[in-house]
Amino acid sequence: VKLLADAATPEDLFQGQWQGRPSKLDAFKPYLDDRWNQGC
């Protein structure tokens, strides 16, 4: 209730721990895309 009441807008509550964090897979995404396009 405190979190909801203190937030001016609902979007203020969407500050999750996983948002905007890079993935370990990000550096390999081009390779994954190439393999996917090759049919694997």
PDB file of all heavy atoms in Angstrom:
ATOM      1  N   VAL A   1       0.846  -1.203   0.000  1.00  0.00           N
ATOM      2  CA  VAL A   1       0.000   0.000   0.000  1.00  0.00           C
ATOM      3  C   VAL A   1       0.874   1.243   0.000  1.00  0.00           C
ATOM      4  O   VAL A   1       0.608   2.198  -0.732  1.00  0.00           O
ATOM      5  CB  VAL A   1      -0.962  -0.005   1.203  1.00  0.00           C
ATOM      6  CG1 VAL A   1      -1.731   1.301   1.284  1.00  0.00           C
ATOM      7  CG2 VAL A   1      -1.919  -1.173   1.114  1.00  0.00           C
ATOM      8  N   LYS A   2       1.948   1.232   0.772  1.00  0.00           N
ATOM      9  CA  LYS A   2       2.853   2.386   0.812  1.00  0.00           C
ATOM     10  C   LYS A   2       3.482   2.633  -0.550  1.00  0.00           C
ATOM     11  O   LYS A   2       3.545   3.772  -1.027  1.00  0.00           O
ATOM     12  CB  LYS A   2       3.943   2.164   1.862  1.00  0.00           C
ATOM     13  CG  LYS A   2       4.941   3.308   1.965  1.00  0.00           C
ATOM     14  CD  LYS A   2       6.035   2.954   2.947  1.00  0.00           C
ATOM     15  CE  LYS A   2       7.072   4.026   3.126  1.00  0.00           C
ATOM     16  NZ  LYS A   2       7.335   4.926   2.068  1.00  0.00           N
ATOM     17  N   LEU A   3       3.955   1.578  -1.211  1.00  0.00           N
ATOM     18  CA  LEU A   3       4.562   1.736  -2.534  1.00  0.00           C
ATOM     19  C   LEU A   3       3.562   2.315  -3.534  1.00  0.00           C
ATOM     20  O   LEU A   3       3.885   3.228  -4.305  1.00  0.00           O
ATOM     21  CB  LEU A   3       5.077   0.391  -3.053  1.00  0.00           C
ATOM     22  CG  LEU A   3       6.356  -0.130  -2.427  1.00  0.00           C
ATOM     23  CD1 LEU A   3       6.639  -1.558  -2.911  1.00  0.00           C
ATOM     24  CD2 LEU A   3       7.517   0.775  -2.767  1.00  0.00           C
ATOM     25  N   LEU A   4       2.334   1.784  -3.524  1.00  0.00           N
ATOM     26  CA  LEU A   4       1.315   2.260  -4.455  1.00  0.00           C
ATOM     27  C   LEU A   4       0.889   3.687  -4.132  1.00  0.00           C
ATOM     28  O   LEU A   4       0.658   4.492  -5.033  1.00  0.00           O
ATOM     29  CB  LEU A   4       0.099   1.326  -4.430  1.00  0.00           C
ATOM     30  CG  LEU A   4       0.331  -0.076  -5.005  1.00  0.00           C
ATOM     31  CD1 LEU A   4      -0.828  -0.986  -4.653  1.00  0.00           C
ATOM     32  CD2 LEU A   4       0.517  -0.009  -6.503  1.00  0.00           C
ATOM     33  N   ALA A   5       0.785   4.008  -2.848  1.00  0.00           N
ATOM     34  CA  ALA A   5       0.340   5.340  -2.450  1.00  0.00           C
ATOM     35  C   ALA A   5       1.418   6.394  -2.713  1.00  0.00           C
ATOM     36  O   ALA A   5       1.101   7.529  -3.082  1.00  0.00           O
ATOM     37  CB  ALA A   5      -0.039   5.343  -0.969  1.00  0.00           C
ATOM     38  N   ASP A   6       2.667   6.031  -2.541  1.00  0.00           N
ATOM     39  CA  ASP A   6       3.750   6.999  -2.717  1.00  0.00           C
ATOM     40  C   ASP A   6       4.090   7.251  -4.183  1.00  0.00           C
ATOM     41  O   ASP A   6       4.711   8.260  -4.503  1.00  0.00           O
ATOM     42  CB  ASP A   6       5.006   6.528  -1.986  1.00  0.00           C
ATOM     43  CG  ASP A   6       4.853   6.588  -0.474  1.00  0.00           C
ATOM     44  OD1 ASP A   6       3.890   7.242  -0.007  1.00  0.00           O
ATOM     45  OD2 ASP A   6       5.684   5.986   0.228  1.00  0.00           O
ATOM     46  N   ALA A   7       3.697   6.356  -5.050  1.00  0.00           N
ATOM     47  CA  ALA A   7       4.006   6.517  -6.476  1.00  0.00           C
ATOM     48  C   ALA A   7       3.009   7.483  -7.108  1.00  0.00           C
ATOM     49  O   ALA A   7       1.794   7.323  -6.975  1.00  0.00           O
ATOM     50  CB  ALA A   7       3.941   5.174  -7.184  1.00  0.00           C
ATOM     51  N   ALA A   8       3.533   8.495  -7.797  1.00  0.00           N
ATOM     52  CA  ALA A   8       2.655   9.465  -8.458  1.00  0.00           C
ATOM     53  C   ALA A   8       1.944   8.833  -9.647  1.00  0.00           C
ATOM     54  O   ALA A   8       0.776   9.116  -9.902  1.00  0.00           O
ATOM     55  CB  ALA A   8       3.468  10.674  -8.913  1.00  0.00           C
ATOM     56  N   THR A   9       2.639   7.980 -10.379  1.00  0.00           N
ATOM     57  CA  THR A   9       2.040   7.282 -11.520  1.00  0.00           C
ATOM     58  C   THR A   9       2.409   5.805 -11.415  1.00  0.00           C
ATOM     59  O   THR A   9       3.418   5.456 -10.781  1.00  0.00           O
ATOM     60  CB  THR A   9       2.570   7.825 -12.870  1.00  0.00           C
ATOM     61  OG1 THR A   9       3.970   7.562 -12.950  1.00  0.00           O
ATOM     62  CG2 THR A   9       2.304   9.316 -13.014  1.00  0.00           C
ATOM     63  N   PRO A  10       1.650   4.923 -12.049  1.00  0.00           N
ATOM     64  CA  PRO A  10       2.001   3.502 -12.003  1.00  0.00           C
ATOM     65  C   PRO A  10       3.363   3.220 -12.640  1.00  0.00           C
ATOM     66  O   PRO A  10       4.052   2.302 -12.233  1.00  0.00           O
ATOM     67  CB  PRO A  10       0.889   2.815 -12.793  1.00  0.00           C
ATOM     68  CG  PRO A  10      -0.224   3.770 -12.853  1.00  0.00           C
ATOM     69  CD  PRO A  10       0.359   5.135 -12.721  1.00  0.00           C
ATOM     70  N   GLU A  11       3.743   4.038 -13.622  1.00  0.00           N
ATOM     71  CA  GLU A  11       5.016   3.809 -14.295  1.00  0.00           C
ATOM     72  C   GLU A  11       6.203   4.001 -13.356  1.00  0.00           C
ATOM     73  O   GLU A  11       7.282   3.471 -13.606  1.00  0.00           O
ATOM     74  CB  GLU A  11       5.148   4.713 -15.517  1.00  0.00           C
ATOM     75  CG  GLU A  11       4.377   4.233 -16.729  1.00  0.00           C
ATOM     76  CD  GLU A  11       2.866   4.257 -16.565  1.00  0.00           C
ATOM     77  OE1 GLU A  11       2.357   5.128 -15.821  1.00  0.00           O
ATOM     78  OE2 GLU A  11       2.199   3.405 -17.160  1.00  0.00           O
ATOM     79  N   ASP A  12       5.998   4.763 -12.265  1.00  0.00           N
ATOM     80  CA  ASP A  12       7.068   4.922 -11.284  1.00  0.00           C
ATOM     81  C   ASP A  12       7.384   3.599 -10.593  1.00  0.00           C
ATOM     82  O   ASP A  12       8.470   3.431 -10.028  1.00  0.00           O
ATOM     83  CB  ASP A  12       6.683   5.957 -10.221  1.00  0.00           C
ATOM     84  CG  ASP A  12       6.546   7.351 -10.799  1.00  0.00           C
ATOM     85  OD1 ASP A  12       7.060   7.588 -11.918  1.00  0.00           O
ATOM     86  OD2 ASP A  12       5.914   8.204 -10.141  1.00  0.00           O
ATOM     87  N   LEU A  13       6.447   2.665 -10.621  1.00  0.00           N
ATOM     88  CA  LEU A  13       6.631   1.376  -9.962  1.00  0.00           C
ATOM     89  C   LEU A  13       7.338   0.364 -10.853  1.00  0.00           C
ATOM     90  O   LEU A  13       7.716  -0.704 -10.390  1.00  0.00           O
ATOM     91  CB  LEU A  13       5.265   0.812  -9.546  1.00  0.00           C
ATOM     92  CG  LEU A  13       4.487   1.680  -8.580  1.00  0.00           C
ATOM     93  CD1 LEU A  13       3.046   1.221  -8.498  1.00  0.00           C
ATOM     94  CD2 LEU A  13       5.148   1.667  -7.222  1.00  0.00           C
ATOM     95  N   PHE A  14       7.496   0.680 -12.131  1.00  0.00           N
ATOM     96  CA  PHE A  14       8.078  -0.275 -13.076  1.00  0.00           C
ATOM     97  C   PHE A  14       9.587  -0.141 -13.148  1.00  0.00           C
ATOM     98  O   PHE A  14      10.170  -0.051 -14.209  1.00  0.00           O
ATOM     99  CB  PHE A  14       7.478  -0.094 -14.467  1.00  0.00           C
ATOM    100  CG  PHE A  14       5.992  -0.283 -14.518  1.00  0.00           C
ATOM    101  CD1 PHE A  14       5.229   0.463 -15.389  1.00  0.00           C
ATOM    102  CD2 PHE A  14       5.348  -1.186 -13.711  1.00  0.00           C
ATOM    103  CE1 PHE A  14       3.868   0.294 -15.456  1.00  0.00           C
ATOM    104  CE2 PHE A  14       3.989  -1.356 -13.760  1.00  0.00           C
ATOM    105  CZ  PHE A  14       3.240  -0.611 -14.633  1.00  0.00           C
ATOM    106  N   GLN A  15      10.227  -0.108 -12.033  1.00  0.00           N
ATOM    107  CA  GLN A  15      11.680  -0.008 -11.976  1.00  0.00           C
ATOM    108  C   GLN A  15      12.232  -1.338 -11.481  1.00  0.00           C
ATOM    109  O   GLN A  15      12.827  -1.408 -10.428  1.00  0.00           O
ATOM    110  CB  GLN A  15      12.105   1.143 -11.063  1.00  0.00           C
ATOM    111  CG  GLN A  15      11.520   2.479 -11.419  1.00  0.00           C
ATOM    112  CD  GLN A  15      11.895   2.919 -12.824  1.00  0.00           C
ATOM    113  OE1 GLN A  15      12.992   2.691 -13.296  1.00  0.00           O
ATOM    114  NE2 GLN A  15      10.953   3.549 -13.514  1.00  0.00           N
ATOM    115  N   GLY A  16      11.997  -2.392 -12.233  1.00  0.00           N
ATOM    116  CA  GLY A  16      12.401  -3.729 -11.816  1.00  0.00           C
ATOM    117  C   GLY A  16      13.899  -3.928 -11.893  1.00  0.00           C
ATOM    118  O   GLY A  16      14.618  -3.212 -12.573  1.00  0.00           O
ATOM    119  N   GLN A  17      14.360  -4.942 -11.211  1.00  0.00           N
ATOM    120  CA  GLN A  17      15.787  -5.210 -11.147  1.00  0.00           C
ATOM    121  C   GLN A  17      16.331  -5.721 -12.475  1.00  0.00           C
ATOM    122  O   GLN A  17      17.528  -5.663 -12.720  1.00  0.00           O
ATOM    123  CB  GLN A  17      16.080  -6.214 -10.049  1.00  0.00           C
ATOM    124  CG  GLN A  17      15.430  -7.575 -10.263  1.00  0.00           C
ATOM    125  CD  GLN A  17      15.789  -8.540  -9.175  1.00  0.00           C
ATOM    126  OE1 GLN A  17      16.703  -8.283  -8.405  1.00  0.00           O
ATOM    127  NE2 GLN A  17      15.090  -9.643  -9.081  1.00  0.00           N
ATOM    128  N   TRP A  18      15.492  -6.226 -13.370  1.00  0.00           N
ATOM    129  CA  TRP A  18      15.993  -6.805 -14.618  1.00  0.00           C
ATOM    130  C   TRP A  18      15.882  -5.843 -15.791  1.00  0.00           C
ATOM    131  O   TRP A  18      16.291  -6.166 -16.888  1.00  0.00           O
ATOM    132  CB  TRP A  18      15.236  -8.088 -14.936  1.00  0.00           C
ATOM    133  CG  TRP A  18      15.387  -9.097 -13.871  1.00  0.00           C
ATOM    134  CD1 TRP A  18      14.430  -9.544 -13.017  1.00  0.00           C
ATOM    135  CD2 TRP A  18      16.581  -9.773 -13.497  1.00  0.00           C
ATOM    136  NE1 TRP A  18      14.942 -10.457 -12.145  1.00  0.00           N
ATOM    137  CE2 TRP A  18      16.263 -10.619 -12.421  1.00  0.00           C
ATOM    138  CE3 TRP A  18      17.885  -9.750 -13.958  1.00  0.00           C
ATOM    139  CZ2 TRP A  18      17.201 -11.433 -11.816  1.00  0.00           C
ATOM    140  CZ3 TRP A  18      18.812 -10.572 -13.346  1.00  0.00           C
ATOM    141  CH2 TRP A  18      18.469 -11.390 -12.292  1.00  0.00           C
ATOM    142  N   GLN A  19      15.310  -4.692 -15.589  1.00  0.00           N
ATOM    143  CA  GLN A  19      15.124  -3.781 -16.710  1.00  0.00           C
ATOM    144  C   GLN A  19      16.412  -3.051 -17.036  1.00  0.00           C
ATOM    145  O   GLN A  19      17.050  -2.478 -16.163  1.00  0.00           O
ATOM    146  CB  GLN A  19      14.023  -2.779 -16.400  1.00  0.00           C
ATOM    147  CG  GLN A  19      12.686  -3.443 -16.322  1.00  0.00           C
ATOM    148  CD  GLN A  19      11.619  -2.453 -15.974  1.00  0.00           C
ATOM    149  OE1 GLN A  19      11.854  -1.269 -15.849  1.00  0.00           O
ATOM    150  NE2 GLN A  19      10.410  -2.938 -15.813  1.00  0.00           N
ATOM    151  N   GLY A  20      16.758  -3.062 -18.294  1.00  0.00           N
ATOM    152  CA  GLY A  20      17.911  -2.324 -18.747  1.00  0.00           C
ATOM    153  C   GLY A  20      19.245  -2.997 -18.466  1.00  0.00           C
ATOM    154  O   GLY A  20      20.284  -2.423 -18.751  1.00  0.00           O
ATOM    155  N   ARG A  21      19.225  -4.193 -17.932  1.00  0.00           N
ATOM    156  CA  ARG A  21      20.481  -4.872 -17.653  1.00  0.00           C
ATOM    157  C   ARG A  21      20.936  -5.645 -18.875  1.00  0.00           C
ATOM    158  O   ARG A  21      20.140  -6.292 -19.542  1.00  0.00           O
ATOM    159  CB  ARG A  21      20.315  -5.843 -16.499  1.00  0.00           C
ATOM    160  CG  ARG A  21      20.228  -5.137 -15.169  1.00  0.00           C
ATOM    161  CD  ARG A  21      20.081  -6.080 -14.028  1.00  0.00           C
ATOM    162  NE  ARG A  21      21.226  -6.959 -13.902  1.00  0.00           N
ATOM    163  CZ  ARG A  21      21.337  -7.842 -12.933  1.00  0.00           C
ATOM    164  NH1 ARG A  21      20.395  -7.972 -12.032  1.00  0.00           N
ATOM    165  NH2 ARG A  21      22.387  -8.623 -12.858  1.00  0.00           N
ATOM    166  N   PRO A  22      22.218  -5.609 -19.170  1.00  0.00           N
ATOM    167  CA  PRO A  22      22.703  -6.392 -20.312  1.00  0.00           C
ATOM    168  C   PRO A  22      22.702  -7.881 -19.971  1.00  0.00           C
ATOM    169  O   PRO A  22      22.864  -8.274 -18.816  1.00  0.00           O
ATOM    170  CB  PRO A  22      24.120  -5.875 -20.518  1.00  0.00           C
ATOM    171  CG  PRO A  22      24.533  -5.323 -19.200  1.00  0.00           C
ATOM    172  CD  PRO A  22      23.269  -4.818 -18.543  1.00  0.00           C
ATOM    173  N   SER A  23      22.520  -8.678 -20.989  1.00  0.00           N
ATOM    174  CA  SER A  23      22.520 -10.123 -20.837  1.00  0.00           C
ATOM    175  C   SER A  23      23.886 -10.665 -21.233  1.00  0.00           C
ATOM    176  O   SER A  23      24.587 -10.070 -22.056  1.00  0.00           O
ATOM    177  CB  SER A  23      21.441 -10.724 -21.742  1.00  0.00           C
ATOM    178  OG  SER A  23      21.595 -12.120 -21.843  1.00  0.00           O
ATOM    179  N   LYS A  24      24.258 -11.794 -20.669  1.00  0.00           N
ATOM    180  CA  LYS A  24      25.499 -12.447 -21.082  1.00  0.00           C
ATOM    181  C   LYS A  24      25.414 -12.881 -22.540  1.00  0.00           C
ATOM    182  O   LYS A  24      26.424 -13.086 -23.197  1.00  0.00           O
ATOM    183  CB  LYS A  24      25.782 -13.669 -20.211  1.00  0.00           C
ATOM    184  CG  LYS A  24      26.171 -13.344 -18.790  1.00  0.00           C
ATOM    185  CD  LYS A  24      26.474 -14.614 -18.021  1.00  0.00           C
ATOM    186  CE  LYS A  24      26.868 -14.301 -16.586  1.00  0.00           C
ATOM    187  NZ  LYS A  24      27.148 -15.519 -15.829  1.00  0.00           N
ATOM    188  N   LEU A  25      24.200 -13.005 -23.033  1.00  0.00           N
ATOM    189  CA  LEU A  25      23.984 -13.467 -24.398  1.00  0.00           C
ATOM    190  C   LEU A  25      24.085 -12.341 -25.426  1.00  0.00           C
ATOM    191  O   LEU A  25      24.216 -12.610 -26.619  1.00  0.00           O
ATOM    192  CB  LEU A  25      22.599 -14.132 -24.476  1.00  0.00           C
ATOM    193  CG  LEU A  25      22.269 -14.961 -25.694  1.00  0.00           C
ATOM    194  CD1 LEU A  25      23.246 -16.119 -25.827  1.00  0.00           C
ATOM    195  CD2 LEU A  25      20.859 -15.486 -25.599  1.00  0.00           C
ATOM    196  N   ASP A  26      24.051 -11.095 -24.988  1.00  0.00           N
ATOM    197  CA  ASP A  26      24.033  -9.963 -25.920  1.00  0.00           C
ATOM    198  C   ASP A  26      25.196  -9.986 -26.911  1.00  0.00           C
ATOM    199  O   ASP A  26      25.018  -9.688 -28.089  1.00  0.00           O
ATOM    200  CB  ASP A  26      24.033  -8.639 -25.161  1.00  0.00           C
ATOM    201  CG  ASP A  26      22.697  -8.338 -24.528  1.00  0.00           C
ATOM    202  OD1 ASP A  26      21.699  -8.993 -24.909  1.00  0.00           O
ATOM    203  OD2 ASP A  26      22.648  -7.453 -23.652  1.00  0.00           O
ATOM    204  N   ALA A  27      26.391 -10.326 -26.459  1.00  0.00           N
ATOM    205  CA  ALA A  27      27.555 -10.338 -27.345  1.00  0.00           C
ATOM    206  C   ALA A  27      27.457 -11.438 -28.400  1.00  0.00           C
ATOM    207  O   ALA A  27      28.103 -11.360 -29.446  1.00  0.00           O
ATOM    208  CB  ALA A  27      28.829 -10.527 -26.523  1.00  0.00           C
ATOM    209  N   PHE A  28      26.628 -12.451 -28.152  1.00  0.00           N
ATOM    210  CA  PHE A  28      26.518 -13.587 -29.063  1.00  0.00           C
ATOM    211  C   PHE A  28      25.257 -13.546 -29.918  1.00  0.00           C
ATOM    212  O   PHE A  28      25.021 -14.449 -30.719  1.00  0.00           O
ATOM    213  CB  PHE A  28      26.561 -14.897 -28.258  1.00  0.00           C
ATOM    214  CG  PHE A  28      27.852 -15.078 -27.519  1.00  0.00           C
ATOM    215  CD1 PHE A  28      27.985 -14.618 -26.217  1.00  0.00           C
ATOM    216  CD2 PHE A  28      28.945 -15.659 -28.128  1.00  0.00           C
ATOM    217  CE1 PHE A  28      29.177 -14.763 -25.539  1.00  0.00           C
ATOM    218  CE2 PHE A  28      30.143 -15.810 -27.451  1.00  0.00           C
ATOM    219  CZ  PHE A  28      30.267 -15.352 -26.154  1.00  0.00           C
ATOM    220  N   LYS A  29      24.433 -12.493 -29.758  1.00  0.00           N
ATOM    221  CA  LYS A  29      23.182 -12.406 -30.525  1.00  0.00           C
ATOM    222  C   LYS A  29      23.421 -12.405 -32.041  1.00  0.00           C
ATOM    223  O   LYS A  29      22.688 -13.060 -32.765  1.00  0.00           O
ATOM    224  CB  LYS A  29      22.386 -11.167 -30.111  1.00  0.00           C
ATOM    225  CG  LYS A  29      21.806 -11.268 -28.717  1.00  0.00           C
ATOM    226  CD  LYS A  29      20.398 -11.742 -28.732  1.00  0.00           C
ATOM    227  CE  LYS A  29      19.880 -11.906 -27.323  1.00  0.00           C
ATOM    228  NZ  LYS A  29      18.797 -11.074 -26.989  1.00  0.00           N
ATOM    229  N   PRO A  30      24.437 -11.684 -32.557  1.00  0.00           N
ATOM    230  CA  PRO A  30      24.660 -11.757 -34.010  1.00  0.00           C
ATOM    231  C   PRO A  30      24.950 -13.183 -34.487  1.00  0.00           C
ATOM    232  O   PRO A  30      24.471 -13.608 -35.538  1.00  0.00           O
ATOM    233  CB  PRO A  30      25.865 -10.836 -34.246  1.00  0.00           C
ATOM    234  CG  PRO A  30      25.861  -9.906 -33.091  1.00  0.00           C
ATOM    235  CD  PRO A  30      25.307 -10.686 -31.941  1.00  0.00           C
ATOM    236  N   TYR A  31      25.706 -13.927 -33.688  1.00  0.00           N
ATOM    237  CA  TYR A  31      25.996 -15.315 -34.050  1.00  0.00           C
ATOM    238  C   TYR A  31      24.724 -16.149 -34.028  1.00  0.00           C
ATOM    239  O   TYR A  31      24.480 -16.954 -34.932  1.00  0.00           O
ATOM    240  CB  TYR A  31      27.041 -15.904 -33.098  1.00  0.00           C
ATOM    241  CG  TYR A  31      27.440 -17.314 -33.445  1.00  0.00           C
ATOM    242  CD1 TYR A  31      28.353 -17.559 -34.456  1.00  0.00           C
ATOM    243  CD2 TYR A  31      26.895 -18.393 -32.770  1.00  0.00           C
ATOM    244  CE1 TYR A  31      28.712 -18.854 -34.793  1.00  0.00           C
ATOM    245  CE2 TYR A  31      27.241 -19.689 -33.093  1.00  0.00           C
ATOM    246  CZ  TYR A  31      28.162 -19.916 -34.105  1.00  0.00           C
ATOM    247  OH  TYR A  31      28.501 -21.205 -34.437  1.00  0.00           O
ATOM    248  N   LEU A  32      23.892 -15.953 -33.000  1.00  0.00           N
ATOM    249  CA  LEU A  32      22.634 -16.689 -32.920  1.00  0.00           C
ATOM    250  C   LEU A  32      21.729 -16.348 -34.105  1.00  0.00           C
ATOM    251  O   LEU A  32      21.093 -17.246 -34.673  1.00  0.00           O
ATOM    252  CB  LEU A  32      21.911 -16.378 -31.609  1.00  0.00           C
ATOM    253  CG  LEU A  32      22.180 -17.294 -30.428  1.00  0.00           C
ATOM    254  CD1 LEU A  32      23.627 -17.303 -30.029  1.00  0.00           C
ATOM    255  CD2 LEU A  32      21.321 -16.906 -29.256  1.00  0.00           C
ATOM    256  N   ASP A  33      21.685 -15.069 -34.471  1.00  0.00           N
ATOM    257  CA  ASP A  33      20.876 -14.675 -35.627  1.00  0.00           C
ATOM    258  C   ASP A  33      21.385 -15.327 -36.906  1.00  0.00           C
ATOM    259  O   ASP A  33      20.594 -15.802 -37.730  1.00  0.00           O
ATOM    260  CB  ASP A  33      20.875 -13.152 -35.791  1.00  0.00           C
ATOM    261  CG  ASP A  33      20.148 -12.448 -34.662  1.00  0.00           C
ATOM    262  OD1 ASP A  33      19.316 -13.104 -33.988  1.00  0.00           O
ATOM    263  OD2 ASP A  33      20.416 -11.251 -34.434  1.00  0.00           O
ATOM    264  N   ASP A  34      22.710 -15.363 -37.085  1.00  0.00           N
ATOM    265  CA  ASP A  34      23.280 -15.999 -38.278  1.00  0.00           C
ATOM    266  C   ASP A  34      22.932 -17.474 -38.328  1.00  0.00           C
ATOM    267  O   ASP A  34      22.529 -17.996 -39.371  1.00  0.00           O
ATOM    268  CB  ASP A  34      24.806 -15.833 -38.302  1.00  0.00           C
ATOM    269  CG  ASP A  34      25.237 -14.410 -38.569  1.00  0.00           C
ATOM    270  OD1 ASP A  34      24.383 -13.617 -39.046  1.00  0.00           O
ATOM    271  OD2 ASP A  34      26.413 -14.079 -38.299  1.00  0.00           O
ATOM    272  N   ARG A  35      23.087 -18.160 -37.193  1.00  0.00           N
ATOM    273  CA  ARG A  35      22.772 -19.596 -37.165  1.00  0.00           C
ATOM    274  C   ARG A  35      21.282 -19.848 -37.405  1.00  0.00           C
ATOM    275  O   ARG A  35      20.908 -20.793 -38.080  1.00  0.00           O
ATOM    276  CB  ARG A  35      23.203 -20.206 -35.824  1.00  0.00           C
ATOM    277  CG  ARG A  35      24.688 -20.247 -35.633  1.00  0.00           C
ATOM    278  CD  ARG A  35      25.373 -21.170 -36.639  1.00  0.00           C
ATOM    279  NE  ARG A  35      25.113 -22.550 -36.267  1.00  0.00           N
ATOM    280  CZ  ARG A  35      24.833 -23.521 -37.139  1.00  0.00           C
ATOM    281  NH1 ARG A  35      24.785 -23.268 -38.420  1.00  0.00           N
ATOM    282  NH2 ARG A  35      24.598 -24.736 -36.706  1.00  0.00           N
ATOM    283  N   TRP A  36      20.431 -18.967 -36.861  1.00  0.00           N
ATOM    284  CA  TRP A  36      18.990 -19.098 -37.082  1.00  0.00           C
ATOM    285  C   TRP A  36      18.671 -18.937 -38.558  1.00  0.00           C
ATOM    286  O   TRP A  36      17.905 -19.700 -39.132  1.00  0.00           O
ATOM    287  CB  TRP A  36      18.244 -18.056 -36.254  1.00  0.00           C
ATOM    288  CG  TRP A  36      16.770 -18.116 -36.417  1.00  0.00           C
ATOM    289  CD1 TRP A  36      16.009 -17.405 -37.296  1.00  0.00           C
ATOM    290  CD2 TRP A  36      15.857 -18.952 -35.695  1.00  0.00           C
ATOM    291  NE1 TRP A  36      14.684 -17.725 -37.156  1.00  0.00           N
ATOM    292  CE2 TRP A  36      14.561 -18.674 -36.186  1.00  0.00           C
ATOM    293  CE3 TRP A  36      16.000 -19.887 -34.685  1.00  0.00           C
ATOM    294  CZ2 TRP A  36      13.436 -19.312 -35.707  1.00  0.00           C
ATOM    295  CZ3 TRP A  36      14.871 -20.519 -34.196  1.00  0.00           C
ATOM    296  CH2 TRP A  36      13.616 -20.233 -34.709  1.00  0.00           C
ATOM    297  N   ASN A  37      19.289 -17.933 -39.199  1.00  0.00           N
ATOM    298  CA  ASN A  37      19.051 -17.695 -40.624  1.00  0.00           C
ATOM    299  C   ASN A  37      19.628 -18.794 -41.497  1.00  0.00           C
ATOM    300  O   ASN A  37      19.178 -18.985 -42.629  1.00  0.00           O
ATOM    301  CB  ASN A  37      19.615 -16.332 -41.039  1.00  0.00           C
ATOM    302  CG  ASN A  37      18.846 -15.196 -40.402  1.00  0.00           C
ATOM    303  OD1 ASN A  37      17.664 -15.333 -40.088  1.00  0.00           O
ATOM    304  ND2 ASN A  37      19.516 -14.085 -40.189  1.00  0.00           N
ATOM    305  N   GLN A  38      20.625 -19.523 -40.991  1.00  0.00           N
ATOM    306  CA  GLN A  38      21.167 -20.667 -41.725  1.00  0.00           C
ATOM    307  C   GLN A  38      20.262 -21.887 -41.595  1.00  0.00           C
ATOM    308  O   GLN A  38      20.485 -22.889 -42.259  1.00  0.00           O
ATOM    309  CB  GLN A  38      22.567 -21.009 -41.214  1.00  0.00           C
ATOM    310  CG  GLN A  38      23.610 -19.975 -41.531  1.00  0.00           C
ATOM    311  CD  GLN A  38      24.918 -20.233 -40.792  1.00  0.00           C
ATOM    312  OE1 GLN A  38      25.057 -21.202 -40.042  1.00  0.00           O
ATOM    313  NE2 GLN A  38      25.873 -19.335 -40.984  1.00  0.00           N
ATOM    314  N   GLY A  39      19.275 -21.802 -40.718  1.00  0.00           N
ATOM    315  CA  GLY A  39      18.330 -22.902 -40.555  1.00  0.00           C
ATOM    316  C   GLY A  39      18.530 -23.725 -39.307  1.00  0.00           C
ATOM    317  O   GLY A  39      17.805 -24.689 -39.084  1.00  0.00           O
ATOM    318  N   CYS A  40      19.496 -23.402 -38.492  1.00  0.00           N
ATOM    319  CA  CYS A  40      19.725 -24.148 -37.253  1.00  0.00           C
ATOM    320  C   CYS A  40      18.799 -23.592 -36.178  1.00  0.00           C
ATOM    321  O   CYS A  40      19.000 -22.487 -35.684  1.00  0.00           O
ATOM    322  CB  CYS A  40      21.178 -24.039 -36.815  1.00  0.00           C
ATOM    323  SG  CYS A  40      21.515 -24.992 -35.329  1.00  0.00           S
TER     324      CYS A  40
END
